[in-house]
PDB file of N, CA and C in Angstrom:
ATOM      1  N   MET A   1      91.323 103.371  91.022  1.00  0.00           N
ATOM      2  CA  MET A   1      91.965 104.639  90.753  1.00  0.00           C
ATOM      3  C   MET A   1      92.281 105.326  92.076  1.00  0.00           C
ATOM      4  N   ALA A   2      93.467 105.904  92.175  1.00  0.00           N
ATOM      5  CA  ALA A   2      93.889 106.588  93.393  1.00  0.00           C
ATOM      6  C   ALA A   2      93.162 107.926  93.537  1.00  0.00           C
ATOM      7  N   GLU A   3      92.962 108.311  94.784  1.00  0.00           N
ATOM      8  CA  GLU A   3      92.288 109.570  95.062  1.00  0.00           C
ATOM      9  C   GLU A   3      93.038 110.336  96.135  1.00  0.00           C
ATOM     10  N   LEU A   4      92.814 111.652  96.161  1.00  0.00           N
ATOM     11  CA  LEU A   4      93.420 112.524  97.151  1.00  0.00           C
ATOM     12  C   LEU A   4      92.325 113.208  97.958  1.00  0.00           C
ATOM     13  N   ARG A   5      92.562 113.372  99.249  1.00  0.00           N
ATOM     14  CA  ARG A   5      91.654 114.126 100.108  1.00  0.00           C
ATOM     15  C   ARG A   5      92.276 115.502 100.294  1.00  0.00           C
ATOM     16  N   VAL A   6      91.606 116.530  99.768  1.00  0.00           N
ATOM     17  CA  VAL A   6      92.132 117.889  99.785  1.00  0.00           C
ATOM     18  C   VAL A   6      91.281 118.726 100.739  1.00  0.00           C
ATOM     19  N   THR A   7      91.940 119.444 101.661  1.00  0.00           N
ATOM     20  CA  THR A   7      91.256 120.254 102.657  1.00  0.00           C
ATOM     21  C   THR A   7      91.781 121.681 102.596  1.00  0.00           C
ATOM     22  N   LEU A   8      90.850 122.654 102.597  1.00  0.00           N
ATOM     23  CA  LEU A   8      91.230 124.061 102.645  1.00  0.00           C
ATOM     24  C   LEU A   8      91.558 124.414 104.088  1.00  0.00           C
ATOM     25  N   LYS A   9      92.801 124.801 104.359  1.00  0.00           N
ATOM     26  CA  LYS A   9      93.272 125.051 105.722  1.00  0.00           C
ATOM     27  C   LYS A   9      93.322 126.525 106.090  1.00  0.00           C
ATOM     28  N   LYS A  10      93.457 127.421 105.125  1.00  0.00           N
ATOM     29  CA  LYS A  10      93.555 128.845 105.416  1.00  0.00           C
ATOM     30  C   LYS A  10      92.521 129.617 104.609  1.00  0.00           C
ATOM     31  N   SER A  11      92.167 130.777 105.114  1.00  0.00           N
ATOM     32  CA  SER A  11      91.199 131.638 104.465  1.00  0.00           C
ATOM     33  C   SER A  11      91.769 132.218 103.169  1.00  0.00           C
ATOM     34  N   LEU A  12      90.874 132.561 102.260  1.00  0.00           N
ATOM     35  CA  LEU A  12      91.273 133.155 100.989  1.00  0.00           C
ATOM     36  C   LEU A  12      91.306 134.675 101.045  1.00  0.00           C
ATOM     37  N   ILE A  13      90.999 135.254 102.207  1.00  0.00           N
ATOM     38  CA  ILE A  13      91.014 136.709 102.355  1.00  0.00           C
ATOM     39  C   ILE A  13      92.435 137.214 102.123  1.00  0.00           C
ATOM     40  N   GLY A  14      92.567 138.176 101.236  1.00  0.00           N
ATOM     41  CA  GLY A  14      93.864 138.767 100.947  1.00  0.00           C
ATOM     42  C   GLY A  14      94.679 138.012  99.921  1.00  0.00           C
ATOM     43  N   GLU A  15      94.181 136.909  99.414  1.00  0.00           N
ATOM     44  CA  GLU A  15      94.913 136.131  98.406  1.00  0.00           C
ATOM     45  C   GLU A  15      94.705 136.722  97.022  1.00  0.00           C
ATOM     46  N   GLN A  16      95.636 136.448  96.133  1.00  0.00           N
ATOM     47  CA  GLN A  16      95.526 136.901  94.758  1.00  0.00           C
ATOM     48  C   GLN A  16      94.362 136.193  94.069  1.00  0.00           C
ATOM     49  N   TRP A  17      93.833 136.830  93.034  1.00  0.00           N
ATOM     50  CA  TRP A  17      92.687 136.257  92.339  1.00  0.00           C
ATOM     51  C   TRP A  17      93.041 134.914  91.721  1.00  0.00           C
ATOM     52  N   ARG A  18      94.281 134.702  91.317  1.00  0.00           N
ATOM     53  CA  ARG A  18      94.677 133.415  90.727  1.00  0.00           C
ATOM     54  C   ARG A  18      94.533 132.286  91.744  1.00  0.00           C
ATOM     55  N   ASN A  19      94.955 132.564  92.975  1.00  0.00           N
ATOM     56  CA  ASN A  19      94.845 131.545  94.016  1.00  0.00           C
ATOM     57  C   ASN A  19      93.392 131.263  94.359  1.00  0.00           C
ATOM     58  N   ARG A  20      92.572 132.302  94.394  1.00  0.00           N
ATOM     59  CA  ARG A  20      91.137 132.110  94.675  1.00  0.00           C
ATOM     60  C   ARG A  20      90.481 131.247  93.602  1.00  0.00           C
ATOM     61  N   ARG A  21      90.832 131.506  92.338  1.00  0.00           N
ATOM     62  CA  ARG A  21      90.243 130.739  91.240  1.00  0.00           C
ATOM     63  C   ARG A  21      90.730 129.294  91.259  1.00  0.00           C
ATOM     64  N   THR A  22      91.985 129.079  91.634  1.00  0.00           N
ATOM     65  CA  THR A  22      92.522 127.723  91.708  1.00  0.00           C
ATOM     66  C   THR A  22      91.823 126.929  92.797  1.00  0.00           C
ATOM     67  N   VAL A  23      91.629 127.539  93.964  1.00  0.00           N
ATOM     68  CA  VAL A  23      90.935 126.858  95.062  1.00  0.00           C
ATOM     69  C   VAL A  23      89.484 126.577  94.669  1.00  0.00           C
ATOM     70  N   ALA A  24      88.846 127.512  93.990  1.00  0.00           N
ATOM     71  CA  ALA A  24      87.473 127.287  93.522  1.00  0.00           C
ATOM     72  C   ALA A  24      87.445 126.148  92.506  1.00  0.00           C
ATOM     73  N   GLY A  25      88.475 126.048  91.682  1.00  0.00           N
ATOM     74  CA  GLY A  25      88.568 124.953  90.720  1.00  0.00           C
ATOM     75  C   GLY A  25      88.687 123.598  91.390  1.00  0.00           C
ATOM     76  N   LEU A  26      89.264 123.585  92.578  1.00  0.00           N
ATOM     77  CA  LEU A  26      89.337 122.346  93.354  1.00  0.00           C
ATOM     78  C   LEU A  26      88.012 122.039  94.044  1.00  0.00           C
ATOM     79  N   GLY A  27      87.069 122.982  94.001  1.00  0.00           N
ATOM     80  CA  GLY A  27      85.758 122.766  94.597  1.00  0.00           C
ATOM     81  C   GLY A  27      85.691 123.118  96.071  1.00  0.00           C
ATOM     82  N   LEU A  28      86.638 123.915  96.548  1.00  0.00           N
ATOM     83  CA  LEU A  28      86.672 124.291  97.962  1.00  0.00           C
ATOM     84  C   LEU A  28      86.203 125.727  98.127  1.00  0.00           C
ATOM     85  N   THR A  29      85.302 125.961  99.086  1.00  0.00           N
ATOM     86  CA  THR A  29      84.776 127.302  99.302  1.00  0.00           C
ATOM     87  C   THR A  29      84.939 127.776 100.737  1.00  0.00           C
ATOM     88  N   LYS A  30      84.946 126.869 101.699  1.00  0.00           N
ATOM     89  CA  LYS A  30      85.009 127.245 103.109  1.00  0.00           C
ATOM     90  C   LYS A  30      86.214 126.596 103.781  1.00  0.00           C
ATOM     91  N   VAL A  31      86.707 127.245 104.823  1.00  0.00           N
ATOM     92  CA  VAL A  31      87.835 126.709 105.576  1.00  0.00           C
ATOM     93  C   VAL A  31      87.429 125.386 106.224  1.00  0.00           C
ATOM     94  N   ASN A  32      88.325 124.430 106.213  1.00  0.00           N
ATOM     95  CA  ASN A  32      88.137 123.065 106.727  1.00  0.00           C
ATOM     96  C   ASN A  32      87.191 122.218 105.882  1.00  0.00           C
ATOM     97  N   GLN A  33      86.818 122.696 104.715  1.00  0.00           N
ATOM     98  CA  GLN A  33      86.024 121.883 103.792  1.00  0.00           C
ATOM     99  C   GLN A  33      86.948 120.887 103.106  1.00  0.00           C
ATOM    100  N   THR A  34      86.471 119.663 102.940  1.00  0.00           N
ATOM    101  CA  THR A  34      87.281 118.595 102.348  1.00  0.00           C
ATOM    102  C   THR A  34      86.584 118.049 101.115  1.00  0.00           C
ATOM    103  N   ARG A  35      87.366 117.778 100.077  1.00  0.00           N
ATOM    104  CA  ARG A  35      86.876 117.141  98.857  1.00  0.00           C
ATOM    105  C   ARG A  35      87.786 115.971  98.538  1.00  0.00           C
ATOM    106  N   THR A  36      87.207 114.934  97.978  1.00  0.00           N
ATOM    107  CA  THR A  36      87.977 113.798  97.485  1.00  0.00           C
ATOM    108  C   THR A  36      88.039 113.927  95.967  1.00  0.00           C
ATOM    109  N   LEU A  37      89.268 114.045  95.459  1.00  0.00           N
ATOM    110  CA  LEU A  37      89.473 114.296  94.038  1.00  0.00           C
ATOM    111  C   LEU A  37      90.362 113.215  93.446  1.00  0.00           C
ATOM    112  N   PRO A  38      90.250 112.966  92.143  1.00  0.00           N
ATOM    113  CA  PRO A  38      91.121 111.970  91.503  1.00  0.00           C
ATOM    114  C   PRO A  38      92.575 112.422  91.541  1.00  0.00           C
ATOM    115  N   ASP A  39      93.461 111.468  91.642  1.00  0.00           N
ATOM    116  CA  ASP A  39      94.895 111.755  91.694  1.00  0.00           C
ATOM    117  C   ASP A  39      95.435 111.755  90.274  1.00  0.00           C
ATOM    118  N   ASN A  40      95.474 112.939  89.660  1.00  0.00           N
ATOM    119  CA  ASN A  40      96.045 113.061  88.320  1.00  0.00           C
ATOM    120  C   ASN A  40      96.928 114.306  88.262  1.00  0.00           C
ATOM    121  N   ASP A  41      97.597 114.495  87.151  1.00  0.00           N
ATOM    122  CA  ASP A  41      98.565 115.579  87.028  1.00  0.00           C
ATOM    123  C   ASP A  41      97.930 116.962  87.165  1.00  0.00           C
ATOM    124  N   SER A  42      96.740 117.156  86.622  1.00  0.00           N
ATOM    125  CA  SER A  42      96.127 118.483  86.680  1.00  0.00           C
ATOM    126  C   SER A  42      95.733 118.849  88.113  1.00  0.00           C
ATOM    127  N   ILE A  43      95.194 117.909  88.854  1.00  0.00           N
ATOM    128  CA  ILE A  43      94.823 118.162  90.247  1.00  0.00           C
ATOM    129  C   ILE A  43      96.079 118.404  91.083  1.00  0.00           C
ATOM    130  N   ARG A  44      97.115 117.612  90.867  1.00  0.00           N
ATOM    131  CA  ARG A  44      98.360 117.804  91.620  1.00  0.00           C
ATOM    132  C   ARG A  44      98.993 119.163  91.314  1.00  0.00           C
ATOM    133  N   GLY A  45      98.895 119.619  90.077  1.00  0.00           N
ATOM    134  CA  GLY A  45      99.417 120.941  89.729  1.00  0.00           C
ATOM    135  C   GLY A  45      98.653 122.054  90.422  1.00  0.00           C
ATOM    136  N   MET A  46      97.329 121.904  90.518  1.00  0.00           N
ATOM    137  CA  MET A  46      96.520 122.905  91.211  1.00  0.00           C
ATOM    138  C   MET A  46      96.870 122.926  92.697  1.00  0.00           C
ATOM    139  N   ILE A  47      97.047 121.752  93.285  1.00  0.00           N
ATOM    140  CA  ILE A  47      97.408 121.670  94.696  1.00  0.00           C
ATOM    141  C   ILE A  47      98.773 122.312  94.928  1.00  0.00           C
ATOM    142  N   PHE A  48      99.713 122.088  94.021  1.00  0.00           N
ATOM    143  CA  PHE A  48     101.047 122.668  94.157  1.00  0.00           C
ATOM    144  C   PHE A  48     101.002 124.196  94.135  1.00  0.00           C
ATOM    145  N   LYS A  49     100.128 124.774  93.295  1.00  0.00           N
ATOM    146  CA  LYS A  49     100.025 126.221  93.200  1.00  0.00           C
ATOM    147  C   LYS A  49      99.508 126.852  94.481  1.00  0.00           C
ATOM    148  N   VAL A  50      98.662 126.148  95.223  1.00  0.00           N
ATOM    149  CA  VAL A  50      98.077 126.704  96.450  1.00  0.00           C
ATOM    150  C   VAL A  50      98.443 125.860  97.664  1.00  0.00           C
ATOM    151  N   LYS A  51      99.647 125.296  97.663  1.00  0.00           N
ATOM    152  CA  LYS A  51     100.056 124.403  98.743  1.00  0.00           C
ATOM    153  C   LYS A  51     100.119 125.098 100.094  1.00  0.00           C
ATOM    154  N   HIS A  52     100.214 126.430 100.098  1.00  0.00           N
ATOM    155  CA  HIS A  52     100.230 127.172 101.352  1.00  0.00           C
ATOM    156  C   HIS A  52      98.822 127.352 101.932  1.00  0.00           C
ATOM    157  N   LEU A  53      97.786 127.008 101.170  1.00  0.00           N
ATOM    158  CA  LEU A  53      96.404 127.154 101.620  1.00  0.00           C
ATOM    159  C   LEU A  53      95.707 125.825 101.890  1.00  0.00           C
ATOM    160  N   VAL A  54      96.171 124.755 101.274  1.00  0.00           N
ATOM    161  CA  VAL A  54      95.483 123.465 101.369  1.00  0.00           C
ATOM    162  C   VAL A  54      96.411 122.392 101.910  1.00  0.00           C
ATOM    163  N   SER A  55      95.804 121.306 102.343  1.00  0.00           N
ATOM    164  CA  SER A  55      96.569 120.105 102.665  1.00  0.00           C
ATOM    165  C   SER A  55      95.977 118.968 101.850  1.00  0.00           C
ATOM    166  N   ALA A  56      96.832 118.064 101.427  1.00  0.00           N
ATOM    167  CA  ALA A  56      96.396 116.934 100.610  1.00  0.00           C
ATOM    168  C   ALA A  56      97.002 115.655 101.158  1.00  0.00           C
ATOM    169  N   GLU A  57      96.197 114.601 101.160  1.00  0.00           N
ATOM    170  CA  GLU A  57      96.676 113.298 101.615  1.00  0.00           C
ATOM    171  C   GLU A  57      96.000 112.233 100.779  1.00  0.00           C
ATOM    172  N   PRO A  58      96.683 111.130 100.533  1.00  0.00           N
ATOM    173  CA  PRO A  58      96.068 110.047  99.745  1.00  0.00           C
ATOM    174  C   PRO A  58      94.958 109.365 100.533  1.00  0.00           C
ATOM    175  N   VAL A  59      93.943 108.913  99.816  1.00  0.00           N
ATOM    176  CA  VAL A  59      92.839 108.187 100.427  1.00  0.00           C
ATOM    177  C   VAL A  59      93.168 106.703 100.380  1.00  0.00           C
ATOM    178  N   GLU A  60      93.072 106.061 101.512  1.00  0.00           N
ATOM    179  CA  GLU A  60      93.319 104.616 101.563  1.00  0.00           C
ATOM    180  C   GLU A  60      92.100 103.893 101.015  1.00  0.00           C
ATOM    181  N   GLU A  61      92.348 103.022 100.077  1.00  0.00           N
ATOM    182  CA  GLU A  61      91.260 102.257  99.484  1.00  0.00           C
ATOM    183  C   GLU A  61      90.958 101.040 100.322  1.00  0.00           C
ATOM    184  N   ASN A  62      89.678 100.761 100.497  1.00  0.00           N
ATOM    185  CA  ASN A  62      89.261  99.576 101.242  1.00  0.00           C
ATOM    186  C   ASN A  62      89.278  98.372 100.330  1.00  0.00           C
ATOM    187  N   SER A  63      90.063  97.379 100.686  1.00  0.00           N
ATOM    188  CA  SER A  63      90.091  96.148  99.890  1.00  0.00           C
ATOM    189  C   SER A  63      89.139  95.140 100.527  1.00  0.00           C
ATOM    190  N   GLN A  64      88.118  94.801  99.793  1.00  0.00           N
ATOM    191  CA  GLN A  64      87.106  93.876 100.334  1.00  0.00           C
ATOM    192  C   GLN A  64      87.121  92.578  99.585  1.00  0.00           C
TER     193      GLN A  64
END
């Protein structure tokens, strides 16, 4: 299953409550914190809503 590495790049100070709740839903609380999340439509929609606060990149899978 594909995964995304999501990192909070900007502070939530001054952001609307909707954006704060979306970032919390992604499991991010501190700046430069990174989470690995499944790549599905709901996660991508959350990332799209707060794309000005986070960065997302695909995780390369190790083939062994």
